[in-house]
PDB file of N, CA and C in Angstrom:
ATOM      1  N   MET A   1     -12.974 -16.753  -6.124  1.00  0.00           N
ATOM      2  CA  MET A   1     -12.849 -15.527  -6.588  1.00  0.00           C
ATOM      3  C   MET A   1     -13.553 -14.349  -5.282  1.00  0.00           C
ATOM      4  N   GLU A   2     -12.531 -13.662  -5.025  1.00  0.00           N
ATOM      5  CA  GLU A   2     -12.840 -12.481  -3.863  1.00  0.00           C
ATOM      6  C   GLU A   2     -13.823 -11.444  -4.376  1.00  0.00           C
ATOM      7  N   THR A   3     -14.630 -10.935  -3.592  1.00  0.00           N
ATOM      8  CA  THR A   3     -15.562  -9.791  -3.905  1.00  0.00           C
ATOM      9  C   THR A   3     -14.607  -8.504  -4.065  1.00  0.00           C
ATOM     10  N   ILE A   4     -14.804  -7.260  -4.740  1.00  0.00           N
ATOM     11  CA  ILE A   4     -14.364  -6.294  -4.258  1.00  0.00           C
ATOM     12  C   ILE A   4     -14.432  -5.937  -2.810  1.00  0.00           C
ATOM     13  N   GLU A   5     -15.752  -6.302  -1.961  1.00  0.00           N
ATOM     14  CA  GLU A   5     -15.598  -5.649  -0.869  1.00  0.00           C
ATOM     15  C   GLU A   5     -14.380  -6.766   0.074  1.00  0.00           C
ATOM     16  N   GLU A   6     -14.361  -7.719  -0.228  1.00  0.00           N
ATOM     17  CA  GLU A   6     -13.385  -8.562   0.320  1.00  0.00           C
ATOM     18  C   GLU A   6     -11.796  -8.021   0.367  1.00  0.00           C
ATOM     19  N   ILE A   7     -11.772  -7.194  -1.023  1.00  0.00           N
ATOM     20  CA  ILE A   7     -10.368  -7.026  -0.928  1.00  0.00           C
ATOM     21  C   ILE A   7     -10.197  -5.620  -0.575  1.00  0.00           C
ATOM     22  N   ILE A   8     -11.295  -4.696  -0.707  1.00  0.00           N
ATOM     23  CA  ILE A   8     -11.068  -3.974   0.587  1.00  0.00           C
ATOM     24  C   ILE A   8     -10.647  -3.809   1.665  1.00  0.00           C
ATOM     25  N   GLU A   9     -11.218  -4.994   2.350  1.00  0.00           N
ATOM     26  CA  GLU A   9     -11.415  -5.132   3.738  1.00  0.00           C
ATOM     27  C   GLU A   9      -9.839  -5.962   3.973  1.00  0.00           C
ATOM     28  N   GLN A  10      -9.302  -6.501   2.972  1.00  0.00           N
ATOM     29  CA  GLN A  10      -8.153  -6.882   3.067  1.00  0.00           C
ATOM     30  C   GLN A  10      -6.872  -5.864   3.168  1.00  0.00           C
ATOM     31  N   CYS A  11      -7.152  -4.766   1.991  1.00  0.00           N
ATOM     32  CA  CYS A  11      -6.254  -3.815   1.976  1.00  0.00           C
ATOM     33  C   CYS A  11      -6.366  -2.828   3.155  1.00  0.00           C
ATOM     34  N   ASN A  12      -7.305  -2.549   3.877  1.00  0.00           N
ATOM     35  CA  ASN A  12      -7.607  -1.982   4.967  1.00  0.00           C
ATOM     36  C   ASN A  12      -6.836  -2.108   6.165  1.00  0.00           C
ATOM     37  N   SER A  13      -6.991  -4.044   6.412  1.00  0.00           N
ATOM     38  CA  SER A  13      -6.477  -4.706   7.584  1.00  0.00           C
ATOM     39  C   SER A  13      -4.753  -4.386   7.253  1.00  0.00           C
ATOM     40  N   SER A  14      -4.096  -4.324   6.232  1.00  0.00           N
ATOM     41  CA  SER A  14      -2.748  -4.073   5.883  1.00  0.00           C
ATOM     42  C   SER A  14      -2.722  -2.666   6.276  1.00  0.00           C
ATOM     43  N   ILE A  15      -3.307  -1.614   5.807  1.00  0.00           N
ATOM     44  CA  ILE A  15      -3.219  -0.277   6.144  1.00  0.00           C
ATOM     45  C   ILE A  15      -3.198  -0.062   7.394  1.00  0.00           C
ATOM     46  N   SER A  16      -4.092  -0.661   8.320  1.00  0.00           N
ATOM     47  CA  SER A  16      -4.364  -0.208   9.897  1.00  0.00           C
ATOM     48  C   SER A  16      -2.935  -0.640  10.918  1.00  0.00           C
ATOM     49  N   LYS A  17      -2.199  -1.547   9.995  1.00  0.00           N
ATOM     50  CA  LYS A  17      -1.196  -2.163  10.654  1.00  0.00           C
ATOM     51  C   LYS A  17       0.232  -1.409  10.594  1.00  0.00           C
ATOM     52  N   ARG A  18      -0.076   0.070  10.085  1.00  0.00           N
ATOM     53  CA  ARG A  18       1.255   0.771   9.656  1.00  0.00           C
ATOM     54  C   ARG A  18       0.765   1.736  10.846  1.00  0.00           C
ATOM     55  N   THR A  19       1.529   1.566  12.073  1.00  0.00           N
ATOM     56  CA  THR A  19       1.292   2.615  13.252  1.00  0.00           C
ATOM     57  C   THR A  19       2.407   3.120  13.513  1.00  0.00           C
ATOM     58  N   ASP A  20       3.551   2.682  13.059  1.00  0.00           N
ATOM     59  CA  ASP A  20       4.980   3.896  13.553  1.00  0.00           C
ATOM     60  C   ASP A  20       5.759   3.856  12.082  1.00  0.00           C
ATOM     61  N   TYR A  21       6.579   4.961  12.605  1.00  0.00           N
ATOM     62  CA  TYR A  21       7.308   5.380  11.476  1.00  0.00           C
ATOM     63  C   TYR A  21       8.717   4.533  11.285  1.00  0.00           C
ATOM     64  N   SER A  22       8.527   3.558  10.664  1.00  0.00           N
ATOM     65  CA  SER A  22       9.882   2.688  10.491  1.00  0.00           C
ATOM     66  C   SER A  22       9.615   1.734   9.168  1.00  0.00           C
ATOM     67  N   PHE A  23      10.492   0.832   8.902  1.00  0.00           N
ATOM     68  CA  PHE A  23      10.688   0.245   7.517  1.00  0.00           C
ATOM     69  C   PHE A  23       9.748  -1.042   7.733  1.00  0.00           C
ATOM     70  N   TYR A  24       9.368  -1.392   6.831  1.00  0.00           N
ATOM     71  CA  TYR A  24       8.523  -2.842   6.789  1.00  0.00           C
ATOM     72  C   TYR A  24       9.013  -3.617   5.946  1.00  0.00           C
ATOM     73  N   TYR A  25       9.229  -4.889   5.925  1.00  0.00           N
ATOM     74  CA  TYR A  25      10.008  -6.049   5.176  1.00  0.00           C
ATOM     75  C   TYR A  25       8.672  -6.941   4.622  1.00  0.00           C
ATOM     76  N   GLU A  26       8.786  -7.157   3.742  1.00  0.00           N
ATOM     77  CA  GLU A  26       7.729  -8.020   3.339  1.00  0.00           C
ATOM     78  C   GLU A  26       8.107  -8.995   1.781  1.00  0.00           C
ATOM     79  N   PHE A  27       7.513 -10.494   2.275  1.00  0.00           N
ATOM     80  CA  PHE A  27       7.916 -11.381   1.277  1.00  0.00           C
ATOM     81  C   PHE A  27       7.183 -10.972  -0.015  1.00  0.00           C
ATOM     82  N   PRO A  28       7.617 -10.795  -0.900  1.00  0.00           N
ATOM     83  CA  PRO A  28       6.622 -10.738  -2.423  1.00  0.00           C
ATOM     84  C   PRO A  28       5.777 -11.504  -2.587  1.00  0.00           C
ATOM     85  N   PRO A  29       4.418 -11.320  -2.839  1.00  0.00           N
ATOM     86  CA  PRO A  29       3.252 -12.366  -3.274  1.00  0.00           C
ATOM     87  C   PRO A  29       3.875 -13.382  -4.413  1.00  0.00           C
ATOM     88  N   ARG A  30       3.305 -14.440  -3.839  1.00  0.00           N
ATOM     89  CA  ARG A  30       3.461 -15.742  -4.656  1.00  0.00           C
ATOM     90  C   ARG A  30       3.006 -15.400  -6.379  1.00  0.00           C
ATOM     91  N   ARG A  31       1.829 -14.842  -6.533  1.00  0.00           N
ATOM     92  CA  ARG A  31       1.682 -14.250  -7.512  1.00  0.00           C
ATOM     93  C   ARG A  31       1.822 -12.968  -7.924  1.00  0.00           C
ATOM     94  N   MET A  32       2.809 -12.870  -8.937  1.00  0.00           N
ATOM     95  CA  MET A  32       3.836 -11.760  -9.220  1.00  0.00           C
ATOM     96  C   MET A  32       3.146 -10.334  -9.531  1.00  0.00           C
ATOM     97  N   ARG A  33       1.470 -10.779  -9.420  1.00  0.00           N
ATOM     98  CA  ARG A  33       0.903  -9.404 -10.042  1.00  0.00           C
ATOM     99  C   ARG A  33       0.745  -8.595  -8.855  1.00  0.00           C
ATOM    100  N   PHE A  34       1.152  -7.566  -8.401  1.00  0.00           N
ATOM    101  CA  PHE A  34       0.884  -6.916  -7.385  1.00  0.00           C
ATOM    102  C   PHE A  34       1.245  -5.262  -7.419  1.00  0.00           C
ATOM    103  N   CYS A  35       0.712  -4.542  -6.536  1.00  0.00           N
ATOM    104  CA  CYS A  35       0.767  -2.933  -6.768  1.00  0.00           C
ATOM    105  C   CYS A  35       1.333  -2.558  -5.607  1.00  0.00           C
ATOM    106  N   VAL A  36       1.804  -1.622  -5.444  1.00  0.00           N
ATOM    107  CA  VAL A  36       2.390  -0.462  -4.379  1.00  0.00           C
ATOM    108  C   VAL A  36       1.633   0.537  -4.120  1.00  0.00           C
ATOM    109  N   ILE A  37       0.945   0.951  -3.238  1.00  0.00           N
ATOM    110  CA  ILE A  37       0.143   2.123  -3.149  1.00  0.00           C
ATOM    111  C   ILE A  37       1.283   3.075  -2.104  1.00  0.00           C
ATOM    112  N   HIS A  38       1.021   4.592  -2.087  1.00  0.00           N
ATOM    113  CA  HIS A  38       1.780   5.352  -1.091  1.00  0.00           C
ATOM    114  C   HIS A  38       0.830   6.637  -0.972  1.00  0.00           C
ATOM    115  N   TRP A  39       1.046   6.841   0.476  1.00  0.00           N
ATOM    116  CA  TRP A  39       0.085   7.422   1.264  1.00  0.00           C
ATOM    117  C   TRP A  39       0.658   9.220   0.681  1.00  0.00           C
ATOM    118  N   SER A  40      -0.522  10.283   0.571  1.00  0.00           N
ATOM    119  CA  SER A  40       0.204  11.540   0.593  1.00  0.00           C
ATOM    120  C   SER A  40      -0.552  12.320   1.642  1.00  0.00           C
ATOM    121  N   ASN A  41       0.578  12.984   2.529  1.00  0.00           N
ATOM    122  CA  ASN A  41      -0.320  13.513   3.246  1.00  0.00           C
ATOM    123  C   ASN A  41      -0.917  14.951   2.805  1.00  0.00           C
ATOM    124  N   ALA A  42       0.022  15.520   1.920  1.00  0.00           N
ATOM    125  CA  ALA A  42      -0.348  16.713   1.295  1.00  0.00           C
ATOM    126  C   ALA A  42      -1.970  16.826   0.751  1.00  0.00           C
ATOM    127  N   LYS A  43      -2.048  15.614   0.255  1.00  0.00           N
ATOM    128  CA  LYS A  43      -3.595  15.458  -0.552  1.00  0.00           C
ATOM    129  C   LYS A  43      -4.681  14.612   0.270  1.00  0.00           C
ATOM    130  N   ALA A  44      -3.930  14.139   1.109  1.00  0.00           N
ATOM    131  CA  ALA A  44      -4.694  12.728   2.199  1.00  0.00           C
ATOM    132  C   ALA A  44      -5.289  12.180   1.274  1.00  0.00           C
ATOM    133  N   THR A  45      -4.750  11.708   0.558  1.00  0.00           N
ATOM    134  CA  THR A  45      -5.143  10.264  -0.215  1.00  0.00           C
ATOM    135  C   THR A  45      -3.849   9.626  -0.804  1.00  0.00           C
ATOM    136  N   TRP A  46      -4.261   8.302  -0.977  1.00  0.00           N
ATOM    137  CA  TRP A  46      -3.451   7.082  -1.827  1.00  0.00           C
ATOM    138  C   TRP A  46      -3.538   7.142  -3.178  1.00  0.00           C
ATOM    139  N   TYR A  47      -2.181   6.738  -3.684  1.00  0.00           N
ATOM    140  CA  TYR A  47      -2.312   6.818  -4.911  1.00  0.00           C
ATOM    141  C   TYR A  47      -1.313   5.856  -5.711  1.00  0.00           C
ATOM    142  N   ILE A  48      -1.406   5.069  -6.473  1.00  0.00           N
ATOM    143  CA  ILE A  48      -0.591   3.867  -7.108  1.00  0.00           C
ATOM    144  C   ILE A  48       1.052   4.814  -7.148  1.00  0.00           C
ATOM    145  N   SER A  49       1.873   3.974  -6.450  1.00  0.00           N
ATOM    146  CA  SER A  49       3.501   4.746  -6.275  1.00  0.00           C
ATOM    147  C   SER A  49       3.993   4.294  -7.627  1.00  0.00           C
ATOM    148  N   GLY A  50       4.570   5.151  -8.023  1.00  0.00           N
ATOM    149  CA  GLY A  50       5.826   5.279  -9.158  1.00  0.00           C
ATOM    150  C   GLY A  50       6.906   4.120  -9.261  1.00  0.00           C
ATOM    151  N   LYS A  51       7.103   3.832  -7.976  1.00  0.00           N
ATOM    152  CA  LYS A  51       7.754   2.554  -7.559  1.00  0.00           C
ATOM    153  C   LYS A  51       7.264   1.362  -7.949  1.00  0.00           C
ATOM    154  N   THR A  52       6.170   0.842  -8.086  1.00  0.00           N
ATOM    155  CA  THR A  52       5.742  -0.521  -8.143  1.00  0.00           C
ATOM    156  C   THR A  52       6.420  -1.046  -9.204  1.00  0.00           C
ATOM    157  N   ARG A  53       6.700  -0.591 -10.335  1.00  0.00           N
ATOM    158  CA  ARG A  53       7.317  -1.498 -11.355  1.00  0.00           C
ATOM    159  C   ARG A  53       9.032  -1.831 -10.848  1.00  0.00           C
ATOM    160  N   GLU A  54       9.449  -0.940  -9.897  1.00  0.00           N
ATOM    161  CA  GLU A  54      10.710  -1.453  -9.466  1.00  0.00           C
ATOM    162  C   GLU A  54      11.001  -2.472  -8.229  1.00  0.00           C
ATOM    163  N   TYR A  55       9.446  -2.276  -7.694  1.00  0.00           N
ATOM    164  CA  TYR A  55       9.424  -3.313  -6.280  1.00  0.00           C
ATOM    165  C   TYR A  55       9.067  -4.492  -7.228  1.00  0.00           C
ATOM    166  N   GLN A  56       8.381  -4.486  -8.556  1.00  0.00           N
ATOM    167  CA  GLN A  56       8.131  -5.768  -9.224  1.00  0.00           C
ATOM    168  C   GLN A  56       9.202  -6.816  -9.875  1.00  0.00           C
ATOM    169  N   LEU A  57      10.536  -5.851 -10.035  1.00  0.00           N
ATOM    170  CA  LEU A  57      11.573  -6.078 -10.583  1.00  0.00           C
ATOM    171  C   LEU A  57      12.326  -6.711  -9.662  1.00  0.00           C
ATOM    172  N   GLN A  58      12.523  -6.118  -8.338  1.00  0.00           N
ATOM    173  CA  GLN A  58      13.180  -6.871  -7.248  1.00  0.00           C
ATOM    174  C   GLN A  58      12.399  -8.046  -6.734  1.00  0.00           C
ATOM    175  N   ALA A  59      11.179  -8.145  -6.832  1.00  0.00           N
ATOM    176  CA  ALA A  59      10.524  -9.307  -6.115  1.00  0.00           C
ATOM    177  C   ALA A  59      11.061 -10.495  -7.417  1.00  0.00           C
ATOM    178  N   ARG A  60      11.600 -10.421  -8.241  1.00  0.00           N
ATOM    179  CA  ARG A  60      12.003 -11.763  -9.315  1.00  0.00           C
ATOM    180  C   ARG A  60      13.134 -12.075  -8.754  1.00  0.00           C
ATOM    181  N   GLU A  61      13.812 -11.248  -8.020  1.00  0.00           N
ATOM    182  CA  GLU A  61      15.222 -12.056  -7.453  1.00  0.00           C
ATOM    183  C   GLU A  61      14.894 -13.458  -6.592  1.00  0.00           C
ATOM    184  N   LYS A  62      15.490 -14.355  -6.787  1.00  0.00           N
ATOM    185  CA  LYS A  62      15.504 -15.384  -5.897  1.00  0.00           C
ATOM    186  C   LYS A  62      15.643 -14.780  -4.237  1.00  0.00           C
ATOM    187  N   TYR A  63      14.867 -15.393  -3.379  1.00  0.00           N
ATOM    188  CA  TYR A  63      14.907 -14.925  -2.104  1.00  0.00           C
ATOM    189  C   TYR A  63      14.495 -13.652  -1.676  1.00  0.00           C
ATOM    190  N   ALA A  64      13.674 -12.974  -2.586  1.00  0.00           N
ATOM    191  CA  ALA A  64      13.721 -11.505  -2.242  1.00  0.00           C
ATOM    192  C   ALA A  64      12.935 -11.074  -1.271  1.00  0.00           C
ATOM    193  N   ILE A  65      13.316  -9.884  -0.878  1.00  0.00           N
ATOM    194  CA  ILE A  65      12.626  -9.162   0.542  1.00  0.00           C
ATOM    195  C   ILE A  65      12.325  -7.950   0.051  1.00  0.00           C
ATOM    196  N   LEU A  66      10.857  -7.271   0.129  1.00  0.00           N
ATOM    197  CA  LEU A  66      10.795  -5.945  -0.414  1.00  0.00           C
ATOM    198  C   LEU A  66      10.911  -4.767   0.753  1.00  0.00           C
ATOM    199  N   ILE A  67      11.499  -4.334   0.917  1.00  0.00           N
ATOM    200  CA  ILE A  67      11.591  -2.968   1.765  1.00  0.00           C
ATOM    201  C   ILE A  67      10.566  -1.733   1.425  1.00  0.00           C
ATOM    202  N   PHE A  68       9.414  -1.502   2.455  1.00  0.00           N
ATOM    203  CA  PHE A  68       8.944  -0.299   2.425  1.00  0.00           C
ATOM    204  C   PHE A  68       9.176   0.656   3.367  1.00  0.00           C
ATOM    205  N   PRO A  69       8.954   1.941   3.366  1.00  0.00           N
ATOM    206  CA  PRO A  69       9.033   3.256   4.111  1.00  0.00           C
ATOM    207  C   PRO A  69       7.586   2.645   4.584  1.00  0.00           C
ATOM    208  N   CYS A  70       6.884   3.407   5.904  1.00  0.00           N
ATOM    209  CA  CYS A  70       5.687   3.231   6.166  1.00  0.00           C
ATOM    210  C   CYS A  70       4.749   3.895   5.666  1.00  0.00           C
ATOM    211  N   GLU A  71       4.825   4.858   4.364  1.00  0.00           N
ATOM    212  CA  GLU A  71       3.577   5.360   3.680  1.00  0.00           C
ATOM    213  C   GLU A  71       3.525   4.716   2.428  1.00  0.00           C
ATOM    214  N   ASP A  72       4.449   3.650   2.263  1.00  0.00           N
ATOM    215  CA  ASP A  72       4.223   2.408   1.172  1.00  0.00           C
ATOM    216  C   ASP A  72       3.324   1.007   1.543  1.00  0.00           C
ATOM    217  N   ILE A  73       2.801   0.287   0.866  1.00  0.00           N
ATOM    218  CA  ILE A  73       2.140  -0.377   0.868  1.00  0.00           C
ATOM    219  C   ILE A  73       1.857  -1.364  -0.130  1.00  0.00           C
ATOM    220  N   LEU A  74       2.190  -2.483   0.025  1.00  0.00           N
ATOM    221  CA  LEU A  74       2.202  -3.532  -0.990  1.00  0.00           C
ATOM    222  C   LEU A  74       0.725  -4.418  -0.875  1.00  0.00           C
ATOM    223  N   ILE A  75      -0.024  -4.149  -2.095  1.00  0.00           N
ATOM    224  CA  ILE A  75      -1.270  -4.604  -2.620  1.00  0.00           C
ATOM    225  C   ILE A  75      -1.420  -5.957  -3.204  1.00  0.00           C
ATOM    226  N   PRO A  76      -1.467  -6.824  -2.674  1.00  0.00           N
ATOM    227  CA  PRO A  76      -1.009  -8.023  -3.633  1.00  0.00           C
ATOM    228  C   PRO A  76      -2.241  -8.443  -4.795  1.00  0.00           C
ATOM    229  N   TYR A  77      -2.514  -7.463  -5.748  1.00  0.00           N
ATOM    230  CA  TYR A  77      -3.920  -7.508  -6.855  1.00  0.00           C
ATOM    231  C   TYR A  77      -2.882  -6.415  -8.027  1.00  0.00           C
ATOM    232  N   PRO A  78      -3.547  -6.826  -8.697  1.00  0.00           N
ATOM    233  CA  PRO A  78      -2.907  -6.103  -9.927  1.00  0.00           C
ATOM    234  C   PRO A  78      -3.416  -4.478  -9.952  1.00  0.00           C
ATOM    235  N   ILE A  79      -2.678  -3.833 -10.635  1.00  0.00           N
ATOM    236  CA  ILE A  79      -2.885  -2.477 -10.706  1.00  0.00           C
ATOM    237  C   ILE A  79      -4.697  -2.325 -10.888  1.00  0.00           C
ATOM    238  N   GLU A  80      -5.342  -2.847 -12.048  1.00  0.00           N
ATOM    239  CA  GLU A  80      -6.440  -2.744 -12.679  1.00  0.00           C
ATOM    240  C   GLU A  80      -7.317  -2.919 -11.409  1.00  0.00           C
ATOM    241  N   ILE A  81      -7.210  -3.947 -10.752  1.00  0.00           N
ATOM    242  CA  ILE A  81      -8.103  -3.851  -9.418  1.00  0.00           C
ATOM    243  C   ILE A  81      -7.940  -2.564  -8.315  1.00  0.00           C
ATOM    244  N   VAL A  82      -6.626  -2.281  -8.181  1.00  0.00           N
ATOM    245  CA  VAL A  82      -6.529  -1.263  -7.454  1.00  0.00           C
ATOM    246  C   VAL A  82      -6.983   0.153  -7.718  1.00  0.00           C
ATOM    247  N   LYS A  83      -6.866   0.325  -8.931  1.00  0.00           N
ATOM    248  CA  LYS A  83      -7.496   1.398  -9.441  1.00  0.00           C
ATOM    249  C   LYS A  83      -8.855   1.594  -9.202  1.00  0.00           C
ATOM    250  N   LYS A  84      -9.996   0.587  -9.208  1.00  0.00           N
ATOM    251  CA  LYS A  84     -11.362   0.463  -8.659  1.00  0.00           C
ATOM    252  C   LYS A  84     -11.450   0.612  -7.330  1.00  0.00           C
ATOM    253  N   ILE A  85     -10.479   0.158  -6.145  1.00  0.00           N
ATOM    254  CA  ILE A  85     -10.962   0.204  -4.764  1.00  0.00           C
ATOM    255  C   ILE A  85     -10.297   1.605  -4.302  1.00  0.00           C
ATOM    256  N   ILE A  86      -9.196   2.345  -5.045  1.00  0.00           N
ATOM    257  CA  ILE A  86      -8.179   3.033  -4.115  1.00  0.00           C
ATOM    258  C   ILE A  86      -9.258   4.404  -3.394  1.00  0.00           C
ATOM    259  N   LYS A  87     -10.125   4.272  -3.880  1.00  0.00           N
ATOM    260  CA  LYS A  87     -10.673   5.679  -3.161  1.00  0.00           C
ATOM    261  C   LYS A  87     -11.773   5.290  -2.104  1.00  0.00           C
ATOM    262  N   TYR A  88     -11.734   3.725  -1.835  1.00  0.00           N
ATOM    263  CA  TYR A  88     -12.417   3.187  -0.557  1.00  0.00           C
ATOM    264  C   TYR A  88     -11.551   2.916   0.524  1.00  0.00           C
ATOM    265  N   LEU A  89     -10.231   3.273   0.666  1.00  0.00           N
ATOM    266  CA  LEU A  89      -9.374   2.636   1.410  1.00  0.00           C
ATOM    267  C   LEU A  89      -9.015   3.713   2.477  1.00  0.00           C
ATOM    268  N   ILE A  90      -9.064   3.139   3.768  1.00  0.00           N
ATOM    269  CA  ILE A  90      -9.012   4.305   5.016  1.00  0.00           C
ATOM    270  C   ILE A  90      -7.583   4.907   4.951  1.00  0.00           C
ATOM    271  N   PRO A  91      -7.840   6.015   5.558  1.00  0.00           N
ATOM    272  CA  PRO A  91      -6.914   6.831   5.382  1.00  0.00           C
ATOM    273  C   PRO A  91      -5.361   5.989   6.082  1.00  0.00           C
ATOM    274  N   HIS A  92      -4.195   6.485   5.995  1.00  0.00           N
ATOM    275  CA  HIS A  92      -2.917   6.192   6.879  1.00  0.00           C
ATOM    276  C   HIS A  92      -3.333   6.612   8.330  1.00  0.00           C
ATOM    277  N   PRO A  93      -2.762   5.428   8.712  1.00  0.00           N
ATOM    278  CA  PRO A  93      -3.021   5.561  10.352  1.00  0.00           C
ATOM    279  C   PRO A  93      -2.348   6.819  11.064  1.00  0.00           C
ATOM    280  N   LEU A  94      -1.065   7.010  10.500  1.00  0.00           N
ATOM    281  CA  LEU A  94       0.035   8.052  11.060  1.00  0.00           C
ATOM    282  C   LEU A  94      -0.630   9.510  10.612  1.00  0.00           C
ATOM    283  N   TYR A  95      -1.663   9.600   9.933  1.00  0.00           N
ATOM    284  CA  TYR A  95      -2.079  10.894   9.167  1.00  0.00           C
ATOM    285  C   TYR A  95      -2.981  11.600   9.904  1.00  0.00           C
ATOM    286  N   GLU A  96      -3.334  11.019  11.294  1.00  0.00           N
ATOM    287  CA  GLU A  96      -4.142  11.659  12.008  1.00  0.00           C
ATOM    288  C   GLU A  96      -3.324  12.693  12.684  1.00  0.00           C
ATOM    289  N   ASN A  97      -1.983  12.127  12.996  1.00  0.00           N
ATOM    290  CA  ASN A  97      -1.141  13.255  13.995  1.00  0.00           C
ATOM    291  C   ASN A  97      -0.017  13.998  13.175  1.00  0.00           C
ATOM    292  N   SER A  98      -0.757  14.092  11.745  1.00  0.00           N
ATOM    293  CA  SER A  98       0.357  14.868  11.281  1.00  0.00           C
ATOM    294  C   SER A  98      -0.128  16.230  11.301  1.00  0.00           C
ATOM    295  N   PHE A  99       0.857  17.264  10.555  1.00  0.00           N
ATOM    296  CA  PHE A  99       0.732  18.780  10.311  1.00  0.00           C
ATOM    297  C   PHE A  99      -0.447  19.031   9.580  1.00  0.00           C
ATOM    298  N   GLU A 100      -0.118  18.383   8.418  1.00  0.00           N
ATOM    299  CA  GLU A 100      -1.090  18.549   7.178  1.00  0.00           C
ATOM    300  C   GLU A 100      -2.738  18.277   7.655  1.00  0.00           C
ATOM    301  N   ALA A 101      -2.902  17.095   8.519  1.00  0.00           N
ATOM    302  CA  ALA A 101      -3.971  16.672   9.391  1.00  0.00           C
ATOM    303  C   ALA A 101      -4.670  17.987  10.190  1.00  0.00           C
ATOM    304  N   ARG A 102      -3.890  18.303  10.985  1.00  0.00           N
ATOM    305  CA  ARG A 102      -4.303  19.519  11.874  1.00  0.00           C
ATOM    306  C   ARG A 102      -4.743  20.670  10.881  1.00  0.00           C
ATOM    307  N   ARG A 103      -4.381  20.956   9.881  1.00  0.00           N
ATOM    308  CA  ARG A 103      -4.573  22.287   9.329  1.00  0.00           C
ATOM    309  C   ARG A 103      -5.796  22.103   8.505  1.00  0.00           C
ATOM    310  N   ILE A 104      -6.365  21.161   8.470  1.00  0.00           N
ATOM    311  CA  ILE A 104      -7.958  21.370   7.430  1.00  0.00           C
ATOM    312  C   ILE A 104      -9.073  21.449   8.575  1.00  0.00           C
TER     313      ILE A 104
END
């Protein structure tokens, strides 16, 4: 069983790889309990994407590959865990250069 710190570290590692404005292709995790988080530049925060259920349904298809825009990230943990850790995640790497970040 992973600790909360290890889960946060793994999530932050995934976030730090989102360094360009492109689509990202991912195979769904073997365990079907996953969540998708979405970055909001306006609020400078992560939140659980309303499309999580849609992605979960797509993942059930044989040979599924999920396509994410740069601001959506697949987190291979259930929503219950993600709700506990979401406030500890690092900001999106592209936010630093955004218009919204410069206004603050």
